[in-house]
N, C-alpha and C. Protein backbone atom coordinates (compact mmCIF):
# COMPACT_ATOMS: atom_id res chain seq x y z
N MET A 1 -14.69 -6.95 -12.49
CA MET A 1 -14.16 -5.60 -12.70
C MET A 1 -12.81 -5.46 -12.02
N LYS A 2 -11.99 -4.61 -12.58
CA LYS A 2 -10.65 -4.36 -12.07
C LYS A 2 -10.56 -2.87 -11.75
N VAL A 3 -10.23 -2.54 -10.51
CA VAL A 3 -10.30 -1.15 -10.08
C VAL A 3 -9.04 -0.69 -9.36
N ALA A 4 -8.88 0.63 -9.36
CA ALA A 4 -7.96 1.30 -8.44
C ALA A 4 -8.81 1.83 -7.30
N LEU A 5 -8.30 1.77 -6.09
CA LEU A 5 -9.05 2.27 -4.93
C LEU A 5 -8.38 3.51 -4.37
N SER A 6 -9.16 4.59 -4.28
CA SER A 6 -8.67 5.79 -3.61
C SER A 6 -8.57 5.47 -2.13
N PHE A 7 -7.35 5.58 -1.58
CA PHE A 7 -7.07 4.98 -0.27
C PHE A 7 -6.40 5.97 0.66
N SER A 8 -7.05 6.22 1.82
CA SER A 8 -6.49 7.13 2.81
C SER A 8 -5.80 6.39 3.96
N GLY A 9 -6.11 5.08 4.07
CA GLY A 9 -5.59 4.31 5.20
C GLY A 9 -6.54 4.29 6.38
N GLY A 10 -7.67 5.01 6.26
CA GLY A 10 -8.65 5.07 7.33
C GLY A 10 -9.74 4.01 7.20
N LYS A 11 -10.67 4.05 8.15
CA LYS A 11 -11.69 3.01 8.23
C LYS A 11 -12.59 2.94 7.00
N ASP A 12 -12.92 4.10 6.39
CA ASP A 12 -13.83 4.10 5.24
C ASP A 12 -13.20 3.41 4.04
N SER A 13 -11.95 3.76 3.74
CA SER A 13 -11.32 3.15 2.57
C SER A 13 -11.01 1.67 2.82
N CYS A 14 -10.74 1.31 4.07
CA CYS A 14 -10.51 -0.11 4.38
C CYS A 14 -11.81 -0.91 4.28
N LEU A 15 -12.91 -0.31 4.72
CA LEU A 15 -14.20 -0.99 4.56
C LEU A 15 -14.57 -1.09 3.08
N ALA A 16 -14.26 -0.05 2.32
CA ALA A 16 -14.50 -0.09 0.86
C ALA A 16 -13.70 -1.23 0.23
N PHE A 17 -12.44 -1.40 0.66
CA PHE A 17 -11.59 -2.49 0.18
C PHE A 17 -12.27 -3.83 0.46
N TYR A 18 -12.74 -3.99 1.69
CA TYR A 18 -13.41 -5.23 2.10
C TYR A 18 -14.64 -5.49 1.24
N GLN A 19 -15.46 -4.46 1.04
CA GLN A 19 -16.69 -4.62 0.26
C GLN A 19 -16.39 -4.97 -1.19
N LEU A 20 -15.35 -4.37 -1.74
CA LEU A 20 -14.95 -4.71 -3.12
C LEU A 20 -14.56 -6.18 -3.21
N GLN A 21 -13.84 -6.66 -2.20
CA GLN A 21 -13.47 -8.08 -2.17
C GLN A 21 -14.73 -8.96 -2.15
N GLN A 22 -15.72 -8.56 -1.36
CA GLN A 22 -16.96 -9.33 -1.26
C GLN A 22 -17.71 -9.36 -2.59
N GLN A 23 -17.50 -8.32 -3.40
CA GLN A 23 -18.15 -8.23 -4.70
C GLN A 23 -17.30 -8.84 -5.81
N ASP A 24 -16.24 -9.54 -5.41
CA ASP A 24 -15.32 -10.19 -6.35
C ASP A 24 -14.65 -9.22 -7.32
N ALA A 25 -14.45 -8.01 -6.85
CA ALA A 25 -13.69 -7.04 -7.66
C ALA A 25 -12.21 -7.33 -7.51
N SER A 26 -11.46 -7.08 -8.55
CA SER A 26 -10.01 -7.20 -8.50
C SER A 26 -9.44 -5.81 -8.22
N ILE A 27 -8.81 -5.64 -7.06
CA ILE A 27 -8.23 -4.35 -6.70
C ILE A 27 -6.78 -4.35 -7.18
N ALA A 28 -6.53 -3.61 -8.24
CA ALA A 28 -5.22 -3.64 -8.89
C ALA A 28 -4.19 -2.81 -8.13
N CYS A 29 -4.65 -1.68 -7.57
CA CYS A 29 -3.72 -0.78 -6.88
C CYS A 29 -4.48 0.17 -5.99
N LEU A 30 -3.73 0.79 -5.10
CA LEU A 30 -4.25 1.86 -4.25
C LEU A 30 -3.66 3.18 -4.74
N ILE A 31 -4.45 4.25 -4.63
CA ILE A 31 -3.93 5.58 -4.94
C ILE A 31 -4.21 6.51 -3.76
N THR A 32 -3.17 7.20 -3.34
CA THR A 32 -3.25 8.07 -2.16
C THR A 32 -2.72 9.45 -2.51
N THR A 33 -3.52 10.47 -2.22
CA THR A 33 -3.08 11.84 -2.50
C THR A 33 -2.24 12.37 -1.35
N VAL A 34 -1.19 13.08 -1.73
CA VAL A 34 -0.21 13.58 -0.76
C VAL A 34 0.06 15.06 -1.07
N TRP A 35 0.01 15.91 -0.04
CA TRP A 35 0.40 17.30 -0.22
C TRP A 35 1.90 17.36 -0.52
N LYS A 36 2.31 18.36 -1.20
CA LYS A 36 3.72 18.46 -1.58
C LYS A 36 4.64 18.56 -0.37
N GLY A 37 4.07 18.78 0.81
CA GLY A 37 4.87 18.76 2.04
C GLY A 37 5.20 17.35 2.50
N GLY A 38 4.40 16.35 2.05
CA GLY A 38 4.75 14.97 2.36
C GLY A 38 3.74 14.15 3.14
N GLN A 39 2.66 14.76 3.66
CA GLN A 39 1.66 13.98 4.38
C GLN A 39 0.41 13.79 3.51
N THR A 40 -0.38 12.76 3.85
CA THR A 40 -1.55 12.49 3.04
C THR A 40 -2.57 13.63 3.16
N VAL A 41 -3.29 13.83 2.07
CA VAL A 41 -4.27 14.93 2.01
C VAL A 41 -5.40 14.71 3.01
N ALA A 42 -5.95 13.50 3.02
CA ALA A 42 -7.15 13.26 3.82
C ALA A 42 -6.92 13.37 5.32
N HIS A 43 -5.86 12.74 5.82
CA HIS A 43 -5.72 12.58 7.26
C HIS A 43 -4.43 13.15 7.85
N GLY A 44 -3.53 13.60 7.00
CA GLY A 44 -2.23 14.01 7.52
C GLY A 44 -1.42 12.80 7.98
N GLU A 45 -1.70 11.65 7.37
CA GLU A 45 -1.02 10.41 7.73
C GLU A 45 0.39 10.37 7.13
N LYS A 46 1.28 9.65 7.80
CA LYS A 46 2.64 9.49 7.27
C LYS A 46 2.63 8.50 6.11
N LEU A 47 3.45 8.77 5.10
CA LEU A 47 3.53 7.90 3.94
C LEU A 47 3.98 6.50 4.31
N GLU A 48 4.86 6.39 5.31
CA GLU A 48 5.36 5.08 5.72
C GLU A 48 4.23 4.18 6.21
N THR A 49 3.26 4.77 6.89
CA THR A 49 2.12 3.98 7.37
C THR A 49 1.31 3.44 6.20
N ILE A 50 1.06 4.30 5.22
CA ILE A 50 0.31 3.86 4.03
C ILE A 50 1.08 2.76 3.30
N LYS A 51 2.38 2.90 3.20
CA LYS A 51 3.21 1.87 2.54
C LYS A 51 3.12 0.53 3.29
N GLU A 52 3.13 0.59 4.63
CA GLU A 52 3.01 -0.63 5.42
C GLU A 52 1.64 -1.28 5.24
N GLN A 53 0.60 -0.44 5.19
CA GLN A 53 -0.74 -0.98 4.95
C GLN A 53 -0.80 -1.67 3.59
N ALA A 54 -0.26 -1.02 2.58
CA ALA A 54 -0.26 -1.59 1.22
C ALA A 54 0.48 -2.92 1.20
N LYS A 55 1.60 -2.98 1.93
CA LYS A 55 2.38 -4.21 1.98
C LYS A 55 1.56 -5.33 2.62
N SER A 56 0.85 -5.00 3.70
CA SER A 56 0.03 -5.99 4.38
C SER A 56 -1.18 -6.41 3.54
N LEU A 57 -1.65 -5.50 2.71
CA LEU A 57 -2.77 -5.81 1.81
C LEU A 57 -2.30 -6.60 0.58
N GLY A 58 -1.00 -6.53 0.31
CA GLY A 58 -0.46 -7.20 -0.87
C GLY A 58 -0.82 -6.50 -2.16
N ILE A 59 -1.02 -5.18 -2.06
CA ILE A 59 -1.44 -4.38 -3.22
C ILE A 59 -0.47 -3.21 -3.38
N PRO A 60 -0.03 -2.89 -4.61
CA PRO A 60 0.85 -1.72 -4.78
C PRO A 60 0.10 -0.41 -4.51
N VAL A 61 0.82 0.56 -3.93
CA VAL A 61 0.24 1.88 -3.70
C VAL A 61 0.99 2.91 -4.55
N HIS A 62 0.24 3.84 -5.11
CA HIS A 62 0.82 4.93 -5.90
C HIS A 62 0.38 6.25 -5.27
N PHE A 63 1.34 7.16 -5.11
CA PHE A 63 1.04 8.45 -4.48
C PHE A 63 0.87 9.53 -5.55
N ILE A 64 -0.10 10.40 -5.30
CA ILE A 64 -0.32 11.57 -6.15
C ILE A 64 0.16 12.78 -5.37
N GLU A 65 1.32 13.31 -5.73
CA GLU A 65 1.82 14.51 -5.05
C GLU A 65 1.15 15.72 -5.69
N THR A 66 0.45 16.52 -4.90
CA THR A 66 -0.38 17.57 -5.47
C THR A 66 -0.46 18.78 -4.54
N ASP A 67 -1.18 19.79 -5.01
CA ASP A 67 -1.52 20.94 -4.17
C ASP A 67 -2.98 21.29 -4.43
N PHE A 68 -3.48 22.26 -3.72
CA PHE A 68 -4.91 22.58 -3.79
C PHE A 68 -5.34 22.98 -5.21
N ASP A 69 -4.49 23.75 -5.90
CA ASP A 69 -4.86 24.27 -7.22
C ASP A 69 -4.92 23.19 -8.30
N LYS A 70 -4.07 22.18 -8.20
CA LYS A 70 -3.99 21.17 -9.27
C LYS A 70 -4.52 19.80 -8.83
N TYR A 71 -5.23 19.77 -7.74
CA TYR A 71 -5.67 18.50 -7.15
C TYR A 71 -6.43 17.62 -8.15
N THR A 72 -7.48 18.16 -8.74
CA THR A 72 -8.31 17.37 -9.67
C THR A 72 -7.51 16.96 -10.89
N GLU A 73 -6.78 17.91 -11.45
CA GLU A 73 -5.97 17.63 -12.65
C GLU A 73 -4.95 16.52 -12.39
N ASP A 74 -4.27 16.60 -11.24
CA ASP A 74 -3.26 15.59 -10.90
C ASP A 74 -3.91 14.21 -10.69
N PHE A 75 -5.09 14.22 -10.09
CA PHE A 75 -5.81 12.97 -9.83
C PHE A 75 -6.18 12.29 -11.15
N VAL A 76 -6.71 13.06 -12.07
CA VAL A 76 -7.11 12.52 -13.37
C VAL A 76 -5.90 11.94 -14.11
N GLU A 77 -4.80 12.69 -14.10
CA GLU A 77 -3.59 12.23 -14.80
C GLU A 77 -3.07 10.92 -14.21
N LYS A 78 -3.11 10.81 -12.89
CA LYS A 78 -2.66 9.57 -12.24
C LYS A 78 -3.57 8.40 -12.61
N LEU A 79 -4.87 8.65 -12.66
CA LEU A 79 -5.81 7.59 -13.04
C LEU A 79 -5.54 7.10 -14.46
N LYS A 80 -5.23 8.03 -15.35
CA LYS A 80 -4.93 7.65 -16.73
C LYS A 80 -3.70 6.74 -16.78
N LYS A 81 -2.71 7.06 -15.94
CA LYS A 81 -1.50 6.23 -15.89
C LYS A 81 -1.81 4.84 -15.30
N MET A 82 -2.66 4.81 -14.27
CA MET A 82 -3.04 3.53 -13.67
C MET A 82 -3.79 2.67 -14.68
N LYS A 83 -4.57 3.32 -15.52
CA LYS A 83 -5.32 2.60 -16.56
C LYS A 83 -4.35 1.95 -17.55
N GLU A 84 -3.29 2.67 -17.89
CA GLU A 84 -2.27 2.13 -18.80
C GLU A 84 -1.51 0.97 -18.16
N ILE A 85 -1.12 1.16 -16.91
CA ILE A 85 -0.28 0.16 -16.23
C ILE A 85 -1.07 -1.10 -15.88
N TYR A 86 -2.27 -0.92 -15.30
CA TYR A 86 -3.00 -2.06 -14.74
C TYR A 86 -4.22 -2.49 -15.55
N ASP A 87 -4.54 -1.75 -16.60
CA ASP A 87 -5.71 -2.06 -17.42
C ASP A 87 -6.99 -2.09 -16.57
N ILE A 88 -7.13 -1.09 -15.71
CA ILE A 88 -8.30 -1.04 -14.82
C ILE A 88 -9.55 -0.59 -15.58
N ASP A 89 -10.69 -1.03 -15.06
CA ASP A 89 -12.00 -0.63 -15.62
C ASP A 89 -12.57 0.57 -14.89
N GLY A 90 -12.18 0.73 -13.61
CA GLY A 90 -12.81 1.78 -12.82
C GLY A 90 -11.97 2.22 -11.65
N VAL A 91 -12.52 3.19 -10.94
CA VAL A 91 -11.89 3.70 -9.72
C VAL A 91 -12.94 3.69 -8.62
N ALA A 92 -12.55 3.21 -7.43
CA ALA A 92 -13.47 3.11 -6.30
C ALA A 92 -13.12 4.12 -5.23
N PHE A 93 -14.15 4.61 -4.57
CA PHE A 93 -14.00 5.61 -3.51
C PHE A 93 -14.72 5.14 -2.25
N GLY A 94 -14.23 5.58 -1.09
CA GLY A 94 -14.83 5.21 0.19
C GLY A 94 -15.81 6.24 0.72
N ASP A 95 -16.37 7.07 -0.16
CA ASP A 95 -17.36 8.06 0.28
C ASP A 95 -18.66 7.35 0.66
N ILE A 96 -19.43 8.02 1.53
CA ILE A 96 -20.60 7.36 2.09
C ILE A 96 -21.92 8.01 1.65
N TYR A 97 -22.07 9.31 1.85
CA TYR A 97 -23.36 9.90 1.49
C TYR A 97 -23.30 11.36 1.01
N LEU A 98 -22.14 11.97 1.00
CA LEU A 98 -22.07 13.38 0.61
C LEU A 98 -22.08 13.50 -0.92
N ASP A 99 -23.15 14.08 -1.44
CA ASP A 99 -23.34 14.15 -2.90
C ASP A 99 -22.23 14.91 -3.60
N GLY A 100 -21.69 15.95 -2.96
CA GLY A 100 -20.61 16.72 -3.57
C GLY A 100 -19.37 15.89 -3.80
N HIS A 101 -19.05 15.02 -2.83
CA HIS A 101 -17.90 14.12 -2.97
C HIS A 101 -18.12 13.14 -4.11
N ARG A 102 -19.35 12.61 -4.18
CA ARG A 102 -19.64 11.63 -5.22
C ARG A 102 -19.58 12.29 -6.61
N LYS A 103 -20.13 13.48 -6.71
CA LYS A 103 -20.12 14.18 -8.00
C LYS A 103 -18.69 14.41 -8.47
N TRP A 104 -17.81 14.83 -7.55
CA TRP A 104 -16.41 15.05 -7.90
C TRP A 104 -15.77 13.75 -8.41
N GLY A 105 -15.97 12.65 -7.68
CA GLY A 105 -15.40 11.37 -8.06
C GLY A 105 -15.90 10.89 -9.41
N GLU A 106 -17.18 11.09 -9.65
CA GLU A 106 -17.76 10.68 -10.94
C GLU A 106 -17.17 11.49 -12.09
N GLU A 107 -16.97 12.78 -11.85
CA GLU A 107 -16.39 13.64 -12.90
C GLU A 107 -14.94 13.26 -13.18
N VAL A 108 -14.19 12.98 -12.12
CA VAL A 108 -12.79 12.57 -12.26
C VAL A 108 -12.70 11.25 -13.04
N ALA A 109 -13.57 10.30 -12.68
CA ALA A 109 -13.60 9.01 -13.38
C ALA A 109 -13.94 9.20 -14.86
N GLN A 110 -14.91 10.05 -15.12
CA GLN A 110 -15.34 10.29 -16.50
C GLN A 110 -14.19 10.87 -17.33
N GLN A 111 -13.46 11.82 -16.73
CA GLN A 111 -12.34 12.43 -17.45
C GLN A 111 -11.24 11.41 -17.75
N ALA A 112 -11.10 10.41 -16.88
CA ALA A 112 -10.08 9.37 -17.09
C ALA A 112 -10.64 8.18 -17.88
N LYS A 113 -11.92 8.32 -18.30
CA LYS A 113 -12.60 7.24 -19.04
C LYS A 113 -12.65 5.93 -18.25
N LEU A 114 -13.04 6.08 -16.98
CA LEU A 114 -13.19 4.94 -16.07
C LEU A 114 -14.59 4.97 -15.44
N LYS A 115 -15.01 3.83 -14.92
CA LYS A 115 -16.29 3.76 -14.21
C LYS A 115 -16.05 4.08 -12.73
N PRO A 116 -16.91 4.88 -12.11
CA PRO A 116 -16.77 5.14 -10.67
C PRO A 116 -17.53 4.09 -9.86
N PHE A 117 -16.93 3.68 -8.75
CA PHE A 117 -17.58 2.71 -7.85
C PHE A 117 -17.57 3.26 -6.43
N TYR A 118 -18.71 3.07 -5.75
CA TYR A 118 -18.87 3.53 -4.37
C TYR A 118 -19.38 2.37 -3.52
N PRO A 119 -18.50 1.47 -3.11
CA PRO A 119 -18.93 0.22 -2.46
C PRO A 119 -19.58 0.37 -1.10
N ILE A 120 -19.38 1.51 -0.41
CA ILE A 120 -20.04 1.66 0.91
C ILE A 120 -21.04 2.80 0.91
N TRP A 121 -21.42 3.29 -0.26
CA TRP A 121 -22.38 4.38 -0.36
C TRP A 121 -23.72 3.96 0.23
N THR A 122 -24.32 4.84 1.04
CA THR A 122 -25.60 4.53 1.66
C THR A 122 -26.31 5.83 2.04
N ASP A 123 -27.54 5.73 2.50
CA ASP A 123 -28.26 6.90 3.00
C ASP A 123 -27.64 7.33 4.33
N GLN A 124 -27.73 8.62 4.59
CA GLN A 124 -27.14 9.16 5.82
C GLN A 124 -27.68 8.46 7.07
N LYS A 125 -28.93 8.06 7.03
CA LYS A 125 -29.55 7.42 8.20
C LYS A 125 -28.93 6.06 8.54
N ASN A 126 -28.18 5.49 7.58
CA ASN A 126 -27.60 4.16 7.78
C ASN A 126 -26.14 4.15 8.22
N VAL A 127 -25.57 5.34 8.44
CA VAL A 127 -24.11 5.38 8.69
C VAL A 127 -23.71 4.67 9.98
N LEU A 128 -24.59 4.70 10.98
CA LEU A 128 -24.25 4.03 12.24
C LEU A 128 -24.09 2.52 12.01
N ASP A 129 -24.87 1.97 11.09
CA ASP A 129 -24.73 0.55 10.76
C ASP A 129 -23.33 0.25 10.22
N LEU A 130 -22.80 1.18 9.41
CA LEU A 130 -21.45 0.99 8.87
C LEU A 130 -20.41 0.97 9.99
N LEU A 131 -20.58 1.87 10.96
CA LEU A 131 -19.62 1.93 12.06
C LEU A 131 -19.67 0.64 12.88
N HIS A 132 -20.87 0.14 13.14
CA HIS A 132 -21.01 -1.13 13.84
C HIS A 132 -20.37 -2.26 13.04
N LYS A 133 -20.54 -2.22 11.72
CA LYS A 133 -19.98 -3.27 10.86
C LYS A 133 -18.46 -3.30 10.95
N ILE A 134 -17.84 -2.11 10.98
CA ILE A 134 -16.38 -2.02 11.08
C ILE A 134 -15.89 -2.71 12.35
N VAL A 135 -16.59 -2.47 13.46
CA VAL A 135 -16.20 -3.09 14.74
C VAL A 135 -16.48 -4.59 14.72
N GLU A 136 -17.65 -4.97 14.19
CA GLU A 136 -18.03 -6.39 14.16
C GLU A 136 -17.09 -7.21 13.27
N LEU A 137 -16.59 -6.59 12.20
CA LEU A 137 -15.66 -7.28 11.30
C LEU A 137 -14.25 -7.38 11.89
N ASN A 138 -14.08 -6.76 13.06
CA ASN A 138 -12.80 -6.79 13.77
C ASN A 138 -11.71 -5.95 13.11
N PHE A 139 -12.13 -4.87 12.42
CA PHE A 139 -11.15 -3.88 11.99
C PHE A 139 -10.63 -3.16 13.24
N LYS A 140 -9.32 -2.91 13.28
CA LYS A 140 -8.71 -2.19 14.39
C LYS A 140 -8.33 -0.80 13.88
N ALA A 141 -9.14 0.18 14.24
CA ALA A 141 -8.92 1.56 13.79
C ALA A 141 -8.67 2.46 15.00
N ARG A 142 -7.79 3.43 14.81
CA ARG A 142 -7.45 4.37 15.87
C ARG A 142 -7.65 5.79 15.35
N VAL A 143 -8.19 6.66 16.18
CA VAL A 143 -8.39 8.06 15.82
C VAL A 143 -7.04 8.77 15.77
N ILE A 144 -6.75 9.44 14.64
CA ILE A 144 -5.47 10.15 14.52
C ILE A 144 -5.65 11.67 14.38
N LYS A 145 -6.91 12.10 14.21
CA LYS A 145 -7.15 13.53 14.01
C LYS A 145 -8.61 13.82 14.31
N VAL A 146 -8.89 14.95 14.97
CA VAL A 146 -10.27 15.37 15.20
C VAL A 146 -10.43 16.84 14.83
N ASP A 147 -11.65 17.20 14.49
CA ASP A 147 -12.01 18.61 14.37
C ASP A 147 -12.34 19.08 15.78
N SER A 148 -11.46 19.89 16.35
CA SER A 148 -11.59 20.27 17.77
C SER A 148 -12.84 21.11 18.06
N LYS A 149 -13.48 21.62 17.00
CA LYS A 149 -14.74 22.35 17.20
C LYS A 149 -15.92 21.39 17.38
N LYS A 150 -15.69 20.14 17.02
CA LYS A 150 -16.79 19.18 17.06
C LYS A 150 -16.59 18.02 18.03
N LEU A 151 -15.33 17.67 18.27
CA LEU A 151 -15.03 16.55 19.16
C LEU A 151 -13.83 16.89 20.04
N PRO A 152 -13.73 16.25 21.22
CA PRO A 152 -12.60 16.54 22.11
C PRO A 152 -11.26 16.10 21.52
N VAL A 153 -10.27 16.95 21.65
CA VAL A 153 -8.92 16.62 21.18
C VAL A 153 -8.40 15.37 21.89
N ALA A 154 -8.86 15.15 23.10
CA ALA A 154 -8.44 13.97 23.88
C ALA A 154 -8.86 12.65 23.22
N TRP A 155 -9.73 12.73 22.22
CA TRP A 155 -10.14 11.51 21.52
C TRP A 155 -9.06 10.99 20.57
N VAL A 156 -8.08 11.82 20.24
CA VAL A 156 -6.97 11.36 19.40
C VAL A 156 -6.25 10.22 20.14
N GLY A 157 -6.08 9.11 19.46
CA GLY A 157 -5.47 7.93 20.08
C GLY A 157 -6.49 6.88 20.49
N ARG A 158 -7.77 7.24 20.50
CA ARG A 158 -8.81 6.27 20.87
C ARG A 158 -8.98 5.21 19.80
N ASN A 159 -9.28 4.00 20.23
CA ASN A 159 -9.64 2.94 19.31
C ASN A 159 -11.12 3.02 18.98
N VAL A 160 -11.45 2.69 17.74
CA VAL A 160 -12.86 2.65 17.32
C VAL A 160 -13.41 1.29 17.74
N ASN A 161 -14.19 1.31 18.81
CA ASN A 161 -14.76 0.08 19.37
C ASN A 161 -16.16 0.39 19.90
N LYS A 162 -16.75 -0.52 20.63
CA LYS A 162 -18.12 -0.32 21.13
C LYS A 162 -18.21 0.90 22.04
N SER A 163 -17.18 1.12 22.84
CA SER A 163 -17.15 2.28 23.73
C SER A 163 -17.12 3.58 22.92
N PHE A 164 -16.31 3.59 21.86
CA PHE A 164 -16.24 4.76 20.98
C PHE A 164 -17.60 5.02 20.34
N ILE A 165 -18.24 3.96 19.85
CA ILE A 165 -19.56 4.12 19.21
C ILE A 165 -20.55 4.73 20.19
N ALA A 166 -20.54 4.24 21.42
CA ALA A 166 -21.46 4.78 22.44
C ALA A 166 -21.23 6.27 22.66
N ASP A 167 -19.97 6.68 22.68
CA ASP A 167 -19.64 8.09 22.93
C ASP A 167 -19.93 8.98 21.73
N VAL A 168 -19.59 8.51 20.52
CA VAL A 168 -19.75 9.36 19.34
C VAL A 168 -21.23 9.58 19.01
N THR A 169 -22.06 8.60 19.36
CA THR A 169 -23.49 8.76 19.08
C THR A 169 -24.16 9.76 20.04
N ARG A 170 -23.46 10.12 21.10
CA ARG A 170 -23.99 11.14 22.02
C ARG A 170 -23.64 12.55 21.54
N LYS A 171 -22.76 12.65 20.56
CA LYS A 171 -22.35 13.96 20.03
C LYS A 171 -23.19 14.32 18.81
N ASN A 172 -23.27 15.60 18.52
CA ASN A 172 -24.04 16.07 17.37
C ASN A 172 -23.15 16.06 16.12
N VAL A 173 -22.71 14.86 15.75
CA VAL A 173 -21.82 14.69 14.59
C VAL A 173 -22.23 13.45 13.82
N CYS A 174 -21.72 13.31 12.60
CA CYS A 174 -21.89 12.06 11.86
C CYS A 174 -21.08 10.98 12.56
N PRO A 175 -21.69 9.85 12.93
CA PRO A 175 -20.95 8.81 13.64
C PRO A 175 -19.73 8.29 12.86
N MET A 176 -19.77 8.38 11.53
CA MET A 176 -18.65 7.93 10.71
C MET A 176 -17.66 9.06 10.42
N GLY A 177 -17.96 10.27 10.89
CA GLY A 177 -17.06 11.38 10.65
C GLY A 177 -16.99 11.80 9.19
N GLU A 178 -18.10 11.66 8.47
CA GLU A 178 -18.09 11.89 7.03
C GLU A 178 -17.79 13.35 6.66
N SER A 179 -18.07 14.26 7.59
CA SER A 179 -17.78 15.68 7.33
C SER A 179 -16.46 16.12 7.98
N GLY A 180 -15.58 15.17 8.25
CA GLY A 180 -14.26 15.50 8.79
C GLY A 180 -14.23 15.67 10.29
N GLU A 181 -15.26 15.20 11.00
CA GLU A 181 -15.28 15.33 12.45
C GLU A 181 -14.10 14.59 13.10
N TYR A 182 -13.74 13.46 12.51
CA TYR A 182 -12.55 12.73 12.98
C TYR A 182 -12.02 11.87 11.85
N HIS A 183 -10.74 11.51 11.95
CA HIS A 183 -10.09 10.64 10.97
C HIS A 183 -9.39 9.51 11.70
N THR A 184 -9.23 8.40 11.00
CA THR A 184 -8.64 7.22 11.63
C THR A 184 -7.53 6.62 10.77
N THR A 185 -6.76 5.77 11.39
CA THR A 185 -5.85 4.87 10.68
C THR A 185 -6.23 3.45 11.09
N VAL A 186 -6.14 2.52 10.17
CA VAL A 186 -6.49 1.13 10.46
C VAL A 186 -5.21 0.31 10.54
N TYR A 187 -5.02 -0.40 11.65
CA TYR A 187 -3.76 -1.12 11.84
C TYR A 187 -3.92 -2.64 11.83
N ASP A 188 -5.16 -3.12 11.69
CA ASP A 188 -5.39 -4.56 11.55
C ASP A 188 -6.83 -4.79 11.13
N GLY A 189 -7.10 -6.01 10.68
CA GLY A 189 -8.46 -6.33 10.25
C GLY A 189 -8.48 -7.44 9.22
N PRO A 190 -9.67 -7.81 8.76
CA PRO A 190 -9.83 -8.98 7.90
C PRO A 190 -9.19 -8.87 6.52
N ILE A 191 -8.83 -7.66 6.10
CA ILE A 191 -8.21 -7.49 4.78
C ILE A 191 -6.68 -7.55 4.84
N PHE A 192 -6.12 -7.50 6.05
CA PHE A 192 -4.67 -7.43 6.20
C PHE A 192 -4.03 -8.80 6.44
N GLN A 193 -2.83 -8.96 5.91
CA GLN A 193 -2.07 -10.20 6.11
C GLN A 193 -1.32 -10.17 7.44
N PHE A 194 -0.98 -8.98 7.91
CA PHE A 194 -0.31 -8.83 9.21
C PHE A 194 -0.64 -7.44 9.77
N PRO A 195 -0.59 -7.28 11.11
CA PRO A 195 -0.89 -5.98 11.71
C PRO A 195 0.13 -4.93 11.34
N ILE A 196 -0.32 -3.68 11.31
CA ILE A 196 0.58 -2.56 11.01
C ILE A 196 1.19 -2.08 12.32
N LYS A 197 2.49 -1.89 12.31
CA LYS A 197 3.17 -1.41 13.53
C LYS A 197 2.83 0.05 13.77
């Protein structure tokens, strides 16, 4: 299969990239949504960082400049263009267990006449295993944003490692931050050709 990967630059989309590689999928391109102000929708990440990640992955990245009102429409249109350019069969997402997210992705894929793929989808009870896997695979992820109502702001800048896992499991949050408790950027790991500055 040949897919486009919805890519935020964080640990979930990087793990999804890794899993797709393990499944012998051909990742034709990355697609990243960007608010019309210039930062990524998911994490508020800088575009330059995403471009550097794409360069290290050896995969082209395409940005979807959008706003809240036209988000779905813009996403579908971009997928249709990616289908024309790369002859992709499907689109992959790094969602884990939230049914609403999966339903949206499946509908978007259907509108673009593509198959949806969820390479790291699992039951909510298994999310801690995913976090351990990220660390064991030697992904280097850093926290770049937290929901201050759920986690300490001082956690911004922390590396996702064994110490982080020990601390996050003591909090009443999803260890993977699936509900936006925290967001990360990945600056090195098994999928990258060189570390991101």
